[in-house]
């Protein structure tokens, strides 16, 4: 637990955060998504099933404008209206 607010894991330029059951993803102003936390159900978006304590970029996903989460599933809406989901 933290006694005072801190910037999570050195992230900056973040415009949105989506929180799943045990995973978090952040959307940067550049349209890049980074995820960290539990990965056993592929929530991190990198194709692996290993948990990670530091943010990692979701590969192949760019120009994202919106990010949502529900339990262990994350979805991103790209600038062109396409929707990509994982987890």
PDB file of N, CA and C in Angstrom:
ATOM      1  N   UNK A   1       0.825  -1.205   0.000  1.00  0.00           N
ATOM      2  CA  UNK A   1       0.000   0.000   0.000  1.00  0.00           C
ATOM      3  C   UNK A   1       0.862   1.259   0.000  1.00  0.00           C
ATOM      4  N   UNK A   2       0.344   2.285  -0.612  1.00  0.00           N
ATOM      5  CA  UNK A   2       1.020   3.590  -0.676  1.00  0.00           C
ATOM      6  C   UNK A   2       0.309   4.556   0.263  1.00  0.00           C
ATOM      7  N   UNK A   3       1.096   5.336   0.980  1.00  0.00           N
ATOM      8  CA  UNK A   3       0.535   6.326   1.900  1.00  0.00           C
ATOM      9  C   UNK A   3       0.127   7.607   1.179  1.00  0.00           C
ATOM     10  N   UNK A   4       0.784   7.896   0.035  1.00  0.00           N
ATOM     11  CA  UNK A   4       0.480   9.082  -0.758  1.00  0.00           C
ATOM     12  C   UNK A   4       0.445   8.683  -2.227  1.00  0.00           C
ATOM     13  N   UNK A   5      -0.262   9.432  -3.069  1.00  0.00           N
ATOM     14  CA  UNK A   5      -0.324   9.098  -4.496  1.00  0.00           C
ATOM     15  C   UNK A   5       1.058   9.182  -5.158  1.00  0.00           C
ATOM     16  N   UNK A   6       1.316   8.254  -6.084  1.00  0.00           N
ATOM     17  CA  UNK A   6       2.543   8.254  -6.874  1.00  0.00           C
ATOM     18  C   UNK A   6       2.197   7.928  -8.316  1.00  0.00           C
ATOM     19  N   UNK A   7       3.070   8.303  -9.229  1.00  0.00           N
ATOM     20  CA  UNK A   7       2.890   7.952 -10.630  1.00  0.00           C
ATOM     21  C   UNK A   7       3.219   6.473 -10.783  1.00  0.00           C
ATOM     22  N   UNK A   8       2.289   5.663 -11.293  1.00  0.00           N
ATOM     23  CA  UNK A   8       2.540   4.225 -11.370  1.00  0.00           C
ATOM     24  C   UNK A   8       3.632   3.867 -12.366  1.00  0.00           C
ATOM     25  N   UNK A   9       4.652   3.242 -11.858  1.00  0.00           N
ATOM     26  CA  UNK A   9       5.676   2.608 -12.679  1.00  0.00           C
ATOM     27  C   UNK A   9       6.326   3.532 -13.688  1.00  0.00           C
ATOM     28  N   UNK A  10       6.388   4.819 -13.399  1.00  0.00           N
ATOM     29  CA  UNK A  10       7.081   5.749 -14.273  1.00  0.00           C
ATOM     30  C   UNK A  10       6.353   6.098 -15.557  1.00  0.00           C
ATOM     31  N   UNK A  11       5.080   5.796 -15.661  1.00  0.00           N
ATOM     32  CA  UNK A  11       4.324   6.135 -16.868  1.00  0.00           C
ATOM     33  C   UNK A  11       4.140   7.643 -16.958  1.00  0.00           C
ATOM     34  N   UNK A  12       4.122   8.159 -18.179  1.00  0.00           N
ATOM     35  CA  UNK A  12       3.852   9.578 -18.397  1.00  0.00           C
ATOM     36  C   UNK A  12       3.078   9.727 -19.694  1.00  0.00           C
ATOM     37  N   UNK A  13       2.496  10.906 -19.891  1.00  0.00           N
ATOM     38  CA  UNK A  13       1.760  11.202 -21.116  1.00  0.00           C
ATOM     39  C   UNK A  13       0.539  10.288 -21.273  1.00  0.00           C
ATOM     40  N   UNK A  14      -0.045   9.854 -20.150  1.00  0.00           N
ATOM     41  CA  UNK A  14      -1.182   8.931 -20.155  1.00  0.00           C
ATOM     42  C   UNK A  14      -2.485   9.715 -20.215  1.00  0.00           C
ATOM     43  N   UNK A  15      -3.378   9.289 -21.108  1.00  0.00           N
ATOM     44  CA  UNK A  15      -4.672   9.961 -21.255  1.00  0.00           C
ATOM     45  C   UNK A  15      -5.828   9.117 -20.726  1.00  0.00           C
ATOM     46  N   UNK A  16      -5.593   7.808 -20.510  1.00  0.00           N
ATOM     47  CA  UNK A  16      -6.655   6.942 -20.005  1.00  0.00           C
ATOM     48  C   UNK A  16      -6.037   5.702 -19.390  1.00  0.00           C
ATOM     49  N   UNK A  17      -6.696   5.195 -18.347  1.00  0.00           N
ATOM     50  CA  UNK A  17      -6.286   3.951 -17.698  1.00  0.00           C
ATOM     51  C   UNK A  17      -7.506   3.047 -17.624  1.00  0.00           C
ATOM     52  N   UNK A  18      -7.320   1.760 -17.915  1.00  0.00           N
ATOM     53  CA  UNK A  18      -8.395   0.766 -17.792  1.00  0.00           C
ATOM     54  C   UNK A  18      -7.928  -0.291 -16.799  1.00  0.00           C
ATOM     55  N   UNK A  19      -8.778  -0.585 -15.824  1.00  0.00           N
ATOM     56  CA  UNK A  19      -8.431  -1.535 -14.773  1.00  0.00           C
ATOM     57  C   UNK A  19      -9.276  -2.787 -14.884  1.00  0.00           C
ATOM     58  N   UNK A  20      -8.598  -3.926 -15.002  1.00  0.00           N
ATOM     59  CA  UNK A  20      -9.268  -5.213 -14.978  1.00  0.00           C
ATOM     60  C   UNK A  20      -9.246  -5.767 -13.560  1.00  0.00           C
ATOM     61  N   UNK A  21      -9.540  -7.044 -13.409  1.00  0.00           N
ATOM     62  CA  UNK A  21      -9.571  -7.663 -12.090  1.00  0.00           C
ATOM     63  C   UNK A  21      -8.203  -7.629 -11.424  1.00  0.00           C
ATOM     64  N   UNK A  22      -7.152  -7.954 -12.139  1.00  0.00           N
ATOM     65  CA  UNK A  22      -5.788  -7.974 -11.588  1.00  0.00           C
ATOM     66  C   UNK A  22      -4.759  -7.450 -12.579  1.00  0.00           C
ATOM     67  N   UNK A  23      -5.221  -6.684 -13.559  1.00  0.00           N
ATOM     68  CA  UNK A  23      -4.357  -6.155 -14.613  1.00  0.00           C
ATOM     69  C   UNK A  23      -4.756  -4.710 -14.880  1.00  0.00           C
ATOM     70  N   UNK A  24      -3.787  -3.897 -15.265  1.00  0.00           N
ATOM     71  CA  UNK A  24      -4.064  -2.512 -15.641  1.00  0.00           C
ATOM     72  C   UNK A  24      -3.419  -2.231 -16.990  1.00  0.00           C
ATOM     73  N   UNK A  25      -4.075  -1.390 -17.775  1.00  0.00           N
ATOM     74  CA  UNK A  25      -3.520  -0.943 -19.045  1.00  0.00           C
ATOM     75  C   UNK A  25      -3.660   0.572 -19.117  1.00  0.00           C
ATOM     76  N   UNK A  26      -2.671   1.211 -19.722  1.00  0.00           N
ATOM     77  CA  UNK A  26      -2.666   2.663 -19.859  1.00  0.00           C
ATOM     78  C   UNK A  26      -2.546   3.030 -21.330  1.00  0.00           C
ATOM     79  N   UNK A  27      -3.282   4.054 -21.722  1.00  0.00           N
ATOM     80  CA  UNK A  27      -3.261   4.568 -23.088  1.00  0.00           C
ATOM     81  C   UNK A  27      -2.504   5.887 -23.094  1.00  0.00           C
ATOM     82  N   UNK A  28      -1.481   5.979 -23.912  1.00  0.00           N
ATOM     83  CA  UNK A  28      -0.700   7.217 -23.992  1.00  0.00           C
ATOM     84  C   UNK A  28      -1.312   8.154 -25.028  1.00  0.00           C
ATOM     85  N   UNK A  29      -0.917   9.402 -24.977  1.00  0.00           N
ATOM     86  CA  UNK A  29      -1.378  10.399 -25.948  1.00  0.00           C
ATOM     87  C   UNK A  29      -0.925  10.039 -27.361  1.00  0.00           C
ATOM     88  N   UNK A  30       0.109   9.220 -27.492  1.00  0.00           N
ATOM     89  CA  UNK A  30       0.594   8.759 -28.801  1.00  0.00           C
ATOM     90  C   UNK A  30      -0.246   7.615 -29.362  1.00  0.00           C
ATOM     91  N   UNK A  31      -1.214   7.094 -28.576  1.00  0.00           N
ATOM     92  CA  UNK A  31      -2.048   5.996 -29.041  1.00  0.00           C
ATOM     93  C   UNK A  31      -1.479   4.628 -28.761  1.00  0.00           C
ATOM     94  N   UNK A  32      -0.498   4.555 -27.878  1.00  0.00           N
ATOM     95  CA  UNK A  32       0.147   3.293 -27.516  1.00  0.00           C
ATOM     96  C   UNK A  32      -0.479   2.763 -26.216  1.00  0.00           C
ATOM     97  N   UNK A  33      -0.646   1.442 -26.124  1.00  0.00           N
ATOM     98  CA  UNK A  33      -1.208   0.814 -24.922  1.00  0.00           C
ATOM     99  C   UNK A  33      -0.118   0.003 -24.236  1.00  0.00           C
ATOM    100  N   UNK A  34      -0.009   0.190 -22.924  1.00  0.00           N
ATOM    101  CA  UNK A  34       0.931  -0.577 -22.112  1.00  0.00           C
ATOM    102  C   UNK A  34       0.152  -1.242 -20.981  1.00  0.00           C
ATOM    103  N   UNK A  35       0.454  -2.510 -20.715  1.00  0.00           N
ATOM    104  CA  UNK A  35      -0.257  -3.259 -19.675  1.00  0.00           C
ATOM    105  C   UNK A  35       0.716  -3.897 -18.694  1.00  0.00           C
ATOM    106  N   UNK A  36       0.238  -4.118 -17.471  1.00  0.00           N
ATOM    107  CA  UNK A  36       1.021  -4.795 -16.443  1.00  0.00           C
ATOM    108  C   UNK A  36       0.068  -5.452 -15.451  1.00  0.00           C
ATOM    109  N   UNK A  37       0.574  -6.415 -14.713  1.00  0.00           N
ATOM    110  CA  UNK A  37      -0.228  -7.129 -13.721  1.00  0.00           C
ATOM    111  C   UNK A  37      -0.312  -8.606 -14.051  1.00  0.00           C
ATOM    112  N   UNK A  38      -1.440  -9.197 -13.751  1.00  0.00           N
ATOM    113  CA  UNK A  38      -1.663 -10.619 -13.963  1.00  0.00           C
ATOM    114  C   UNK A  38      -1.736 -10.916 -15.457  1.00  0.00           C
ATOM    115  N   UNK A  39      -1.098 -12.009 -15.880  1.00  0.00           N
ATOM    116  CA  UNK A  39      -1.102 -12.346 -17.293  1.00  0.00           C
ATOM    117  C   UNK A  39      -1.547 -13.756 -17.596  1.00  0.00           C
ATOM    118  N   UNK A  40      -2.028 -14.496 -16.595  1.00  0.00           N
ATOM    119  CA  UNK A  40      -2.375 -15.908 -16.788  1.00  0.00           C
ATOM    120  C   UNK A  40      -3.483 -16.140 -17.811  1.00  0.00           C
ATOM    121  N   UNK A  41      -4.345 -15.157 -18.022  1.00  0.00           N
ATOM    122  CA  UNK A  41      -5.413 -15.281 -19.020  1.00  0.00           C
ATOM    123  C   UNK A  41      -5.159 -14.379 -20.219  1.00  0.00           C
ATOM    124  N   UNK A  42      -3.893 -14.091 -20.492  1.00  0.00           N
ATOM    125  CA  UNK A  42      -3.456 -13.305 -21.654  1.00  0.00           C
ATOM    126  C   UNK A  42      -3.919 -11.846 -21.591  1.00  0.00           C
ATOM    127  N   UNK A  43      -4.139 -11.344 -20.372  1.00  0.00           N
ATOM    128  CA  UNK A  43      -4.603  -9.970 -20.201  1.00  0.00           C
ATOM    129  C   UNK A  43      -3.590  -8.909 -20.609  1.00  0.00           C
ATOM    130  N   UNK A  44      -2.329  -9.267 -20.730  1.00  0.00           N
ATOM    131  CA  UNK A  44      -1.300  -8.274 -21.028  1.00  0.00           C
ATOM    132  C   UNK A  44      -1.208  -7.952 -22.518  1.00  0.00           C
ATOM    133  N   UNK A  45      -1.882  -8.735 -23.349  1.00  0.00           N
ATOM    134  CA  UNK A  45      -1.956  -8.428 -24.769  1.00  0.00           C
ATOM    135  C   UNK A  45      -0.720  -8.749 -25.573  1.00  0.00           C
ATOM    136  N   UNK A  46       0.258  -9.429 -24.961  1.00  0.00           N
ATOM    137  CA  UNK A  46       1.486  -9.744 -25.690  1.00  0.00           C
ATOM    138  C   UNK A  46       1.574 -11.209 -26.102  1.00  0.00           C
ATOM    139  N   UNK A  47       0.489 -11.960 -25.931  1.00  0.00           N
ATOM    140  CA  UNK A  47       0.457 -13.357 -26.325  1.00  0.00           C
ATOM    141  C   UNK A  47       1.015 -14.312 -25.293  1.00  0.00           C
ATOM    142  N   UNK A  48       1.596 -13.779 -24.229  1.00  0.00           N
ATOM    143  CA  UNK A  48       2.152 -14.617 -23.173  1.00  0.00           C
ATOM    144  C   UNK A  48       1.179 -14.794 -22.021  1.00  0.00           C
ATOM    145  N   UNK A  49       1.473 -15.764 -21.166  1.00  0.00           N
ATOM    146  CA  UNK A  49       0.596 -16.015 -20.014  1.00  0.00           C
ATOM    147  C   UNK A  49       1.365 -15.876 -18.696  1.00  0.00           C
ATOM    148  N   UNK A  50       2.329 -14.953 -18.682  1.00  0.00           N
ATOM    149  CA  UNK A  50       3.148 -14.700 -17.498  1.00  0.00           C
ATOM    150  C   UNK A  50       2.832 -13.307 -16.974  1.00  0.00           C
ATOM    151  N   UNK A  51       2.692 -13.177 -15.660  1.00  0.00           N
ATOM    152  CA  UNK A  51       2.432 -11.872 -15.049  1.00  0.00           C
ATOM    153  C   UNK A  51       3.667 -10.989 -15.137  1.00  0.00           C
ATOM    154  N   UNK A  52       3.435  -9.666 -15.076  1.00  0.00           N
ATOM    155  CA  UNK A  52       4.528  -8.706 -15.203  1.00  0.00           C
ATOM    156  C   UNK A  52       4.241  -7.510 -14.296  1.00  0.00           C
ATOM    157  N   UNK A  53       5.242  -7.061 -13.556  1.00  0.00           N
ATOM    158  CA  UNK A  53       5.041  -5.943 -12.633  1.00  0.00           C
ATOM    159  C   UNK A  53       5.342  -4.586 -13.253  1.00  0.00           C
ATOM    160  N   UNK A  54       5.939  -4.552 -14.427  1.00  0.00           N
ATOM    161  CA  UNK A  54       6.200  -3.281 -15.092  1.00  0.00           C
ATOM    162  C   UNK A  54       5.456  -3.244 -16.428  1.00  0.00           C
ATOM    163  N   UNK A  55       5.078  -2.049 -16.874  1.00  0.00           N
ATOM    164  CA  UNK A  55       4.307  -1.932 -18.111  1.00  0.00           C
ATOM    165  C   UNK A  55       5.069  -2.444 -19.329  1.00  0.00           C
ATOM    166  N   UNK A  56       4.337  -3.099 -20.210  1.00  0.00           N
ATOM    167  CA  UNK A  56       4.876  -3.549 -21.483  1.00  0.00           C
ATOM    168  C   UNK A  56       3.921  -3.166 -22.590  1.00  0.00           C
ATOM    169  N   UNK A  57       4.462  -2.774 -23.716  1.00  0.00           N
ATOM    170  CA  UNK A  57       3.655  -2.337 -24.861  1.00  0.00           C
ATOM    171  C   UNK A  57       2.889  -3.516 -25.441  1.00  0.00           C
ATOM    172  N   UNK A  58       1.614  -3.287 -25.780  1.00  0.00           N
ATOM    173  CA  UNK A  58       0.815  -4.290 -26.492  1.00  0.00           C
ATOM    174  C   UNK A  58       1.250  -4.217 -27.953  1.00  0.00           C
ATOM    175  N   UNK A  59       1.922  -5.274 -28.446  1.00  0.00           N
ATOM    176  CA  UNK A  59       2.474  -5.222 -29.809  1.00  0.00           C
ATOM    177  C   UNK A  59       1.390  -5.232 -30.888  1.00  0.00           C
ATOM    178  N   UNK A  60       1.670  -4.541 -31.981  1.00  0.00           N
ATOM    179  CA  UNK A  60       0.764  -4.532 -33.122  1.00  0.00           C
ATOM    180  C   UNK A  60      -0.468  -3.670 -32.940  1.00  0.00           C
ATOM    181  N   UNK A  61      -0.509  -2.906 -31.865  1.00  0.00           N
ATOM    182  CA  UNK A  61      -1.673  -2.065 -31.578  1.00  0.00           C
ATOM    183  C   UNK A  61      -1.201  -0.625 -31.490  1.00  0.00           C
ATOM    184  N   UNK A  62      -1.664   0.215 -32.423  1.00  0.00           N
ATOM    185  CA  UNK A  62      -1.252   1.613 -32.411  1.00  0.00           C
ATOM    186  C   UNK A  62      -2.443   2.503 -32.731  1.00  0.00           C
ATOM    187  N   UNK A  63      -2.256   3.784 -32.567  1.00  0.00           N
ATOM    188  CA  UNK A  63      -3.279   4.791 -32.874  1.00  0.00           C
ATOM    189  C   UNK A  63      -4.595   4.497 -32.163  1.00  0.00           C
ATOM    190  N   UNK A  64      -4.485   4.062 -30.923  1.00  0.00           N
ATOM    191  CA  UNK A  64      -5.655   3.776 -30.093  1.00  0.00           C
ATOM    192  C   UNK A  64      -6.206   5.081 -29.543  1.00  0.00           C
ATOM    193  N   UNK A  65      -7.550   5.206 -29.512  1.00  0.00           N
ATOM    194  CA  UNK A  65      -8.189   6.416 -28.989  1.00  0.00           C
ATOM    195  C   UNK A  65      -9.040   6.139 -27.753  1.00  0.00           C
ATOM    196  N   UNK A  66      -9.337   4.860 -27.468  1.00  0.00           N
ATOM    197  CA  UNK A  66     -10.153   4.527 -26.302  1.00  0.00           C
ATOM    198  C   UNK A  66      -9.807   3.118 -25.824  1.00  0.00           C
ATOM    199  N   UNK A  67      -9.872   2.941 -24.516  1.00  0.00           N
ATOM    200  CA  UNK A  67      -9.493   1.681 -23.899  1.00  0.00           C
ATOM    201  C   UNK A  67     -10.515   1.342 -22.821  1.00  0.00           C
ATOM    202  N   UNK A  68     -10.999   0.086 -22.802  1.00  0.00           N
ATOM    203  CA  UNK A  68     -11.944  -0.360 -21.773  1.00  0.00           C
ATOM    204  C   UNK A  68     -11.533  -1.733 -21.256  1.00  0.00           C
ATOM    205  N   UNK A  69     -12.004  -2.054 -20.046  1.00  0.00           N
ATOM    206  CA  UNK A  69     -11.694  -3.352 -19.439  1.00  0.00           C
ATOM    207  C   UNK A  69     -12.922  -3.883 -18.720  1.00  0.00           C
ATOM    208  N   UNK A  70     -13.043  -5.196 -18.704  1.00  0.00           N
ATOM    209  CA  UNK A  70     -14.078  -5.898 -17.940  1.00  0.00           C
ATOM    210  C   UNK A  70     -13.469  -7.196 -17.453  1.00  0.00           C
ATOM    211  N   UNK A  71     -13.190  -7.273 -16.164  1.00  0.00           N
ATOM    212  CA  UNK A  71     -12.546  -8.429 -15.519  1.00  0.00           C
ATOM    213  C   UNK A  71     -11.200  -8.746 -16.169  1.00  0.00           C
ATOM    214  N   UNK A  72     -11.100  -9.769 -16.999  1.00  0.00           N
ATOM    215  CA  UNK A  72      -9.806 -10.109 -17.598  1.00  0.00           C
ATOM    216  C   UNK A  72      -9.776  -9.850 -19.102  1.00  0.00           C
ATOM    217  N   UNK A  73     -10.701  -9.072 -19.616  1.00  0.00           N
ATOM    218  CA  UNK A  73     -10.750  -8.745 -21.041  1.00  0.00           C
ATOM    219  C   UNK A  73     -10.555  -7.242 -21.229  1.00  0.00           C
ATOM    220  N   UNK A  74      -9.713  -6.890 -22.180  1.00  0.00           N
ATOM    221  CA  UNK A  74      -9.461  -5.492 -22.526  1.00  0.00           C
ATOM    222  C   UNK A  74      -9.800  -5.290 -23.989  1.00  0.00           C
ATOM    223  N   UNK A  75     -10.345  -4.132 -24.319  1.00  0.00           N
ATOM    224  CA  UNK A  75     -10.626  -3.785 -25.711  1.00  0.00           C
ATOM    225  C   UNK A  75     -10.126  -2.371 -25.977  1.00  0.00           C
ATOM    226  N   UNK A  76      -9.612  -2.173 -27.178  1.00  0.00           N
ATOM    227  CA  UNK A  76      -9.105  -0.877 -27.611  1.00  0.00           C
ATOM    228  C   UNK A  76      -9.784  -0.497 -28.916  1.00  0.00           C
ATOM    229  N   UNK A  77     -10.213   0.765 -28.999  1.00  0.00           N
ATOM    230  CA  UNK A  77     -10.781   1.293 -30.244  1.00  0.00           C
ATOM    231  C   UNK A  77      -9.711   2.151 -30.907  1.00  0.00           C
ATOM    232  N   UNK A  78      -9.416   1.816 -32.155  1.00  0.00           N
ATOM    233  CA  UNK A  78      -8.407   2.550 -32.913  1.00  0.00           C
ATOM    234  C   UNK A  78      -9.023   3.768 -33.594  1.00  0.00           C
ATOM    235  N   UNK A  79      -8.188   4.640 -34.102  1.00  0.00           N
ATOM    236  CA  UNK A  79      -8.612   5.880 -34.768  1.00  0.00           C
ATOM    237  C   UNK A  79      -9.540   5.635 -35.946  1.00  0.00           C
ATOM    238  N   UNK A  80      -9.405   4.476 -36.598  1.00  0.00           N
ATOM    239  CA  UNK A  80     -10.208   4.159 -37.772  1.00  0.00           C
ATOM    240  C   UNK A  80     -11.516   3.453 -37.425  1.00  0.00           C
ATOM    241  N   UNK A  81     -11.821   3.306 -36.130  1.00  0.00           N
ATOM    242  CA  UNK A  81     -13.057   2.660 -35.686  1.00  0.00           C
ATOM    243  C   UNK A  81     -12.925   1.174 -35.436  1.00  0.00           C
ATOM    244  N   UNK A  82     -11.799   0.581 -35.796  1.00  0.00           N
ATOM    245  CA  UNK A  82     -11.578  -0.833 -35.550  1.00  0.00           C
ATOM    246  C   UNK A  82     -11.431  -1.112 -34.058  1.00  0.00           C
ATOM    247  N   UNK A  83     -11.933  -2.235 -33.621  1.00  0.00           N
ATOM    248  CA  UNK A  83     -11.850  -2.618 -32.209  1.00  0.00           C
ATOM    249  C   UNK A  83     -11.039  -3.888 -32.095  1.00  0.00           C
ATOM    250  N   UNK A  84     -10.101  -3.890 -31.148  1.00  0.00           N
ATOM    251  CA  UNK A  84      -9.218  -5.037 -30.892  1.00  0.00           C
ATOM    252  C   UNK A  84      -9.367  -5.413 -29.427  1.00  0.00           C
ATOM    253  N   UNK A  85      -9.552  -6.715 -29.146  1.00  0.00           N
ATOM    254  CA  UNK A  85      -9.738  -7.183 -27.772  1.00  0.00           C
ATOM    255  C   UNK A  85      -8.768  -8.334 -27.466  1.00  0.00           C
ATOM    256  N   UNK A  86      -8.431  -8.476 -26.184  1.00  0.00           N
ATOM    257  CA  UNK A  86      -7.553  -9.564 -25.728  1.00  0.00           C
ATOM    258  C   UNK A  86      -7.891  -9.907 -24.291  1.00  0.00           C
ATOM    259  N   UNK A  87      -7.418 -11.061 -23.881  1.00  0.00           N
ATOM    260  CA  UNK A  87      -7.635 -11.519 -22.506  1.00  0.00           C
ATOM    261  C   UNK A  87      -8.761 -12.508 -22.417  1.00  0.00           C
TER     262      UNK A  87
END
